[in-house]
Amino acid sequence: MSKTLTKADIVEAIYEKTDKNRAEVKKLVEKLLTIMKQAVKKDRTLLISGFGKFEAYDKDARKGRNPKTDATITLPPRKVVVFRLSRKFRSELNGE
């Protein structure tokens, strides 16, 4: 079973490859993630060349079912984010 890469793992990997201390690296990673979140919230799309694109879109309200009671419910409209790999990254991932 593979291990999930966490934010702490990213901080550690960057720390090992730079001359910055862990606290500085952690702040930089946090700032980067904040910028990414704001971009998706504001523009609904975040494109990282050679990696992929994050896109936010609205899902309409829909009918659902409570599995515990089997009652029909209406799920409210919501926003969701999808990630689409770039062609280049997809090729790398598939060993092409």
Protein backbone atom coordinates (compact mmCIF):
# COMPACT_ATOMS: atom_id res chain seq x y z
CA MET A 1 0.00 0.00 0.00
CA SER A 2 1.36 3.43 -0.93
CA LYS A 3 1.82 6.23 1.56
CA THR A 4 -0.06 9.47 1.05
CA LEU A 5 2.13 12.53 0.52
CA THR A 6 1.21 15.11 3.17
CA LYS A 7 1.90 18.81 3.50
CA ALA A 8 4.50 17.95 6.15
CA ASP A 9 6.22 15.61 3.67
CA ILE A 10 6.34 18.40 1.09
CA VAL A 11 7.81 20.80 3.65
CA GLU A 12 10.43 18.20 4.62
CA ALA A 13 11.38 17.48 0.99
CA ILE A 14 11.83 21.19 0.22
CA TYR A 15 13.73 21.73 3.49
CA GLU A 16 16.22 18.99 2.57
CA LYS A 17 16.89 20.57 -0.85
CA THR A 18 17.24 24.20 0.23
CA ASP A 19 19.18 26.25 2.75
CA LYS A 20 16.03 27.57 4.41
CA ASN A 21 14.85 26.44 7.83
CA ARG A 22 11.69 24.39 8.30
CA ALA A 23 9.65 27.34 9.56
CA GLU A 24 10.44 29.39 6.44
CA VAL A 25 9.65 26.47 4.16
CA LYS A 26 6.37 25.83 5.97
CA LYS A 27 5.36 29.49 5.53
CA LEU A 28 6.20 29.35 1.81
CA VAL A 29 4.17 26.16 1.30
CA GLU A 30 1.24 27.68 3.21
CA LYS A 31 1.42 30.85 1.06
CA LEU A 32 1.53 28.81 -2.13
CA LEU A 33 -1.53 26.79 -1.09
CA THR A 34 -3.37 29.98 -0.11
CA ILE A 35 -2.65 31.51 -3.53
CA MET A 36 -3.87 28.32 -5.23
CA LYS A 37 -7.08 28.24 -3.17
CA GLN A 38 -7.79 31.90 -3.86
CA ALA A 39 -7.27 31.38 -7.59
CA VAL A 40 -9.75 28.50 -7.70
CA LYS A 41 -12.28 30.46 -5.61
CA LYS A 42 -11.93 33.64 -7.68
CA ASP A 43 -11.30 32.46 -11.24
CA ARG A 44 -12.59 28.88 -10.89
CA THR A 45 -9.55 27.62 -12.82
CA LEU A 46 -5.91 27.10 -11.86
CA LEU A 47 -3.55 25.94 -14.60
CA ILE A 48 -0.08 24.64 -13.76
CA SER A 49 1.76 23.97 -17.02
CA GLY A 50 3.15 20.46 -17.30
CA PHE A 51 1.09 19.31 -14.30
CA GLY A 52 -2.61 19.93 -14.78
CA LYS A 53 -5.64 22.12 -14.28
CA PHE A 54 -7.92 22.54 -11.27
CA GLU A 55 -11.44 23.61 -12.24
CA ALA A 56 -14.32 24.57 -9.95
CA TYR A 57 -17.89 24.29 -11.13
CA ASP A 58 -21.40 24.41 -9.71
CA LYS A 59 -23.44 21.27 -9.26
CA ASP A 60 -27.18 21.64 -9.30
CA ALA A 61 -29.46 20.44 -6.53
CA ARG A 62 -30.41 16.81 -6.98
CA LYS A 63 -32.45 14.10 -5.40
CA GLY A 64 -30.70 11.72 -3.08
CA ARG A 65 -31.50 8.98 -0.61
CA ASN A 66 -30.69 8.65 3.06
CA PRO A 67 -29.29 5.09 3.19
CA LYS A 68 -30.15 4.75 6.87
CA THR A 69 -33.84 5.61 6.59
CA ASP A 70 -34.32 5.10 2.84
CA ALA A 71 -36.01 8.53 2.78
CA THR A 72 -35.73 10.67 -0.37
CA ILE A 73 -33.96 13.97 0.24
CA THR A 74 -32.91 16.93 -1.88
CA LEU A 75 -29.18 17.56 -1.87
CA PRO A 76 -28.43 21.29 -2.08
CA PRO A 77 -26.46 22.88 -4.91
CA ARG A 78 -22.73 22.99 -4.26
CA LYS A 79 -19.36 23.78 -5.77
CA VAL A 80 -16.92 21.00 -6.64
CA VAL A 81 -13.33 21.01 -7.87
CA VAL A 82 -11.94 18.57 -10.41
CA PHE A 83 -8.33 18.01 -11.44
CA ARG A 84 -7.36 17.18 -15.00
CA LEU A 85 -3.84 15.98 -15.79
CA SER A 86 -1.87 17.72 -18.49
CA ARG A 87 -1.05 15.59 -21.54
CA LYS A 88 2.64 15.78 -20.70
CA PHE A 89 2.15 14.56 -17.12
CA ARG A 90 -0.28 11.85 -18.27
CA SER A 91 2.37 10.58 -20.69
CA GLU A 92 5.01 10.57 -17.94
CA LEU A 93 2.65 8.77 -15.60
CA ASN A 94 1.91 6.08 -18.16
CA GLY A 95 5.58 5.65 -19.10
CA GLU A 96 5.17 6.86 -22.65
